Amino acid sequence: MKTTTAFVCVLAITALLLSGCSTGTGPDPLPEPEYRDRLTPEDVLYNIELAYEEMDVEEYLDCLSVDFIFYPQQSDVQNPDLEIPPEWYKTDERWMHENMFGEGSNVESISLTLTVSSLVYDYGIPADETDDTCICVVDVDLRVRVVGDLTYLATGASQYHMRIDQDQTGPGDAHLWEMYLWYELGDPGRAASPDREESSWGGIKAMYR
């Protein structure tokens, strides 16, 4: 009798533990990615990384000023086979990324790492924070995996010019940063890879024009 009672208790406890470990509706959903308020230039970089990996056009464009200009690396512009213009603008960035991130795109996943190598501030008039600017040089590692088990790889340096956003403010009217110029410096010495398509960031974006 004691053995039977103990066995029943074990079964009851086991059932209770199992019921507490499951919602009954499958795995809990992953938390939504959290973008940062652009309170620093580093926050802008973080949001660009996350927007690329989440393939979120609007969050990416939110990091760019209205008068934003992108300058591809010179070796791309000088290559007649690529037909890459010497500069383009925020409207161009929109339709390129809508094509890259949208439904029907051949892009399956994206990995992006931006590592700061230098950060130089110009505070302008000391009493006026709204004229603060910053030049940020980063090392880029961008991997765009497309259908067919092919990965486009872009490495090298980019130079970002950032300033205080004059159109938006953060919590408590905090100043936000935005990027207004982007120079892709590139990596002329990058080596070929047998399983990845070597490219540049501008070259990858230009494929979705």
Protein backbone atom coordinates (compact mmCIF):
# COMPACT_ATOMS: atom_id res chain seq x y z
CA MET A 1 0.00 0.00 0.00
CA LYS A 2 2.82 2.41 0.90
CA THR A 3 4.61 1.56 -2.38
CA THR A 4 1.47 2.29 -4.41
CA THR A 5 0.92 5.61 -2.63
CA ALA A 6 4.54 6.68 -3.22
CA PHE A 7 4.29 5.73 -6.90
CA VAL A 8 1.12 7.80 -7.32
CA CYS A 9 2.81 10.78 -5.66
CA VAL A 10 5.79 10.53 -8.02
CA LEU A 11 3.46 10.48 -11.04
CA ALA A 12 1.54 13.48 -9.75
CA ILE A 13 4.70 15.52 -9.14
CA THR A 14 6.09 14.58 -12.57
CA ALA A 15 2.86 15.64 -14.28
CA LEU A 16 2.86 18.94 -12.38
CA LEU A 17 6.45 19.71 -13.39
CA LEU A 18 5.80 18.87 -17.02
CA SER A 19 2.68 21.05 -17.13
CA GLY A 20 4.72 23.97 -15.80
CA CYS A 21 7.34 23.60 -18.52
CA SER A 22 5.02 23.97 -21.50
CA THR A 23 2.49 26.52 -22.61
CA GLY A 24 0.70 23.88 -24.64
CA THR A 25 1.08 25.99 -27.80
CA GLY A 26 4.63 25.13 -28.82
CA PRO A 27 7.84 27.13 -28.27
CA ASP A 28 7.50 30.65 -26.93
CA PRO A 29 8.03 33.28 -29.67
CA LEU A 30 11.38 35.06 -29.81
CA PRO A 31 11.37 38.65 -28.49
CA GLU A 32 11.14 41.41 -31.07
CA PRO A 33 14.48 43.11 -31.85
CA GLU A 34 14.93 46.39 -30.00
CA TYR A 35 16.30 49.36 -31.89
CA ARG A 36 18.03 52.07 -29.91
CA ASP A 37 17.29 55.75 -29.70
CA ARG A 38 20.04 57.33 -31.82
CA LEU A 39 21.62 59.14 -28.86
CA THR A 40 25.20 58.45 -30.03
CA PRO A 41 26.90 57.61 -33.35
CA GLU A 42 27.38 54.08 -32.00
CA ASP A 43 23.60 53.78 -31.68
CA VAL A 44 23.27 54.64 -35.37
CA LEU A 45 25.73 51.87 -36.25
CA TYR A 46 23.88 49.40 -34.04
CA ASN A 47 20.57 50.21 -35.72
CA ILE A 48 22.09 49.81 -39.19
CA GLU A 49 23.45 46.39 -38.22
CA LEU A 50 20.11 45.27 -36.81
CA ALA A 51 18.08 46.70 -39.68
CA TYR A 52 20.20 44.80 -42.19
CA GLU A 53 19.98 41.53 -40.30
CA GLU A 54 16.21 41.99 -39.82
CA MET A 55 15.92 43.27 -43.42
CA ASP A 56 13.93 46.27 -42.20
CA VAL A 57 13.91 49.05 -44.78
CA GLU A 58 12.29 51.76 -42.64
CA GLU A 59 14.60 51.30 -39.66
CA TYR A 60 17.62 51.43 -41.98
CA LEU A 61 16.39 54.61 -43.69
CA ASP A 62 15.66 56.19 -40.30
CA CYS A 63 19.43 56.32 -39.73
CA LEU A 64 19.97 58.44 -42.87
CA SER A 65 19.41 62.18 -43.24
CA VAL A 66 17.03 63.60 -45.84
CA ASP A 67 20.00 64.93 -47.84
CA PHE A 68 22.05 61.72 -47.44
CA ILE A 69 24.70 60.91 -50.10
CA PHE A 70 26.50 57.59 -50.62
CA TYR A 71 29.87 57.50 -52.41
CA PRO A 72 30.87 54.02 -53.65
CA GLN A 73 34.51 53.01 -53.58
CA GLN A 74 36.44 54.42 -56.51
CA SER A 75 37.48 51.06 -57.93
CA ASP A 76 33.78 50.19 -58.42
CA VAL A 77 33.01 53.51 -60.10
CA GLN A 78 35.99 53.14 -62.42
CA ASN A 79 35.02 49.58 -63.43
CA PRO A 80 32.98 49.90 -66.67
CA ASP A 81 31.52 46.40 -66.22
CA LEU A 82 29.74 47.39 -63.01
CA GLU A 83 28.06 50.61 -64.24
CA ILE A 84 28.02 52.05 -60.72
CA PRO A 85 27.36 55.82 -60.48
CA PRO A 86 29.79 58.02 -58.53
CA GLU A 87 27.14 58.86 -55.93
CA TRP A 88 23.53 58.23 -55.02
CA TYR A 89 20.92 59.48 -52.56
CA LYS A 90 18.37 58.44 -49.95
CA THR A 91 15.66 57.82 -52.54
CA ASP A 92 18.05 55.44 -54.32
CA GLU A 93 18.80 53.72 -51.01
CA ARG A 94 15.07 53.19 -50.50
CA TRP A 95 14.33 51.36 -53.72
CA MET A 96 17.57 49.36 -53.61
CA HIS A 97 16.74 48.11 -50.12
CA GLU A 98 13.08 47.55 -50.89
CA ASN A 99 14.28 45.25 -53.68
CA MET A 100 16.91 43.62 -51.47
CA PHE A 101 14.74 43.14 -48.36
CA GLY A 102 11.28 42.75 -49.86
CA GLU A 103 9.17 39.78 -50.86
CA GLY A 104 10.45 38.09 -53.98
CA SER A 105 14.06 38.99 -53.19
CA ASN A 106 16.67 36.25 -53.59
CA VAL A 107 18.21 37.21 -50.22
CA GLU A 108 17.80 34.52 -47.57
CA SER A 109 19.77 36.02 -44.67
CA ILE A 110 22.21 38.81 -43.85
CA SER A 111 25.01 39.13 -41.32
CA LEU A 112 26.57 42.55 -40.68
CA THR A 113 29.29 43.62 -38.25
CA LEU A 114 30.53 47.23 -38.05
CA THR A 115 33.66 47.63 -35.90
CA VAL A 116 34.69 51.20 -35.06
CA SER A 117 38.34 51.96 -35.77
CA SER A 118 38.19 55.73 -35.16
CA LEU A 119 35.65 58.25 -33.92
CA VAL A 120 36.43 61.98 -34.18
CA TYR A 121 34.00 64.61 -32.89
CA ASP A 122 33.70 68.26 -33.88
CA TYR A 123 31.63 70.08 -31.26
CA GLY A 124 31.37 73.32 -33.24
CA ILE A 125 30.05 76.14 -31.05
CA PRO A 126 30.45 74.88 -27.45
CA ALA A 127 27.14 76.37 -26.32
CA ASP A 128 25.19 74.82 -29.21
CA GLU A 129 24.96 71.04 -29.21
CA THR A 130 22.85 71.01 -32.36
CA ASP A 131 25.87 71.68 -34.58
CA ASP A 132 27.89 68.70 -33.28
CA THR A 133 29.31 66.41 -35.97
CA CYS A 134 31.34 63.22 -36.00
CA ILE A 135 33.48 61.30 -38.50
CA CYS A 136 33.39 57.58 -37.83
CA VAL A 137 35.58 55.04 -39.65
CA VAL A 138 34.45 51.43 -39.35
CA ASP A 139 35.66 48.04 -40.52
CA VAL A 140 32.85 46.27 -42.36
CA ASP A 141 32.02 42.59 -42.52
CA LEU A 142 28.86 42.12 -44.58
CA ARG A 143 27.63 38.69 -45.70
CA VAL A 144 24.51 38.43 -47.84
CA ARG A 145 23.34 34.85 -48.38
CA VAL A 146 21.19 34.39 -51.46
CA VAL A 147 19.27 31.53 -53.05
CA GLY A 148 21.60 28.89 -54.44
CA ASP A 149 23.87 28.68 -51.39
CA LEU A 150 25.93 31.69 -52.51
CA THR A 151 27.16 34.38 -50.10
CA TYR A 152 28.19 37.85 -51.22
CA LEU A 153 30.99 39.11 -48.98
CA ALA A 154 31.94 42.77 -48.53
CA THR A 155 34.83 43.72 -46.26
CA GLY A 156 36.97 46.80 -45.84
CA ALA A 157 36.43 50.25 -44.38
CA SER A 158 33.70 52.84 -44.61
CA GLN A 159 33.76 56.43 -43.42
CA TYR A 160 30.52 57.80 -41.98
CA HIS A 161 29.87 61.50 -41.42
CA MET A 162 27.22 62.01 -38.74
CA ARG A 163 25.51 65.01 -37.22
CA ILE A 164 22.65 65.95 -34.91
CA ASP A 165 19.26 65.25 -36.51
CA GLN A 166 17.42 68.54 -36.98
CA ASP A 167 14.06 66.87 -37.70
CA GLN A 168 13.66 64.37 -34.85
CA THR A 169 14.33 64.30 -31.13
CA GLY A 170 14.46 61.43 -28.65
CA PRO A 171 12.95 60.91 -25.19
CA GLY A 172 12.87 64.16 -23.22
CA ASP A 173 13.80 66.07 -26.39
CA ALA A 174 17.24 64.42 -26.40
CA HIS A 175 19.36 65.05 -29.48
CA LEU A 176 19.51 62.21 -31.99
CA TRP A 177 22.31 61.42 -34.45
CA GLU A 178 21.98 60.68 -38.16
CA MET A 179 24.32 59.82 -41.05
CA TYR A 180 24.51 62.35 -43.87
CA LEU A 181 27.60 61.21 -45.84
CA TRP A 182 28.94 57.70 -46.45
CA TYR A 183 32.24 57.08 -48.20
CA GLU A 184 33.01 53.45 -48.94
CA LEU A 185 36.80 53.22 -48.70
CA GLY A 186 36.82 49.52 -49.53
CA ASP A 187 39.52 46.90 -49.29
CA PRO A 188 41.52 46.82 -52.54
CA GLY A 189 43.71 43.97 -51.25
CA ARG A 190 40.94 41.55 -50.27
CA ALA A 191 41.60 37.97 -51.33
CA ALA A 192 39.23 35.84 -53.37
CA SER A 193 37.32 33.08 -51.62
CA PRO A 194 36.35 29.74 -53.19
CA ASP A 195 32.85 29.70 -51.66
CA ARG A 196 31.90 33.40 -51.52
CA GLU A 197 31.43 36.08 -54.13
CA GLU A 198 33.83 38.90 -53.27
CA SER A 199 32.20 42.30 -53.67
CA SER A 200 31.80 45.68 -52.00
CA TRP A 201 28.88 47.05 -50.03
CA GLY A 202 28.07 49.48 -52.82
CA GLY A 203 28.42 46.68 -55.36
CA ILE A 204 25.93 44.51 -53.45
CA LYS A 205 23.44 47.37 -53.12
CA ALA A 206 23.82 48.21 -56.82
CA MET A 207 22.74 44.67 -57.77
CA TYR A 208 19.26 45.61 -56.49
CA ARG A 209 18.85 48.82 -58.46
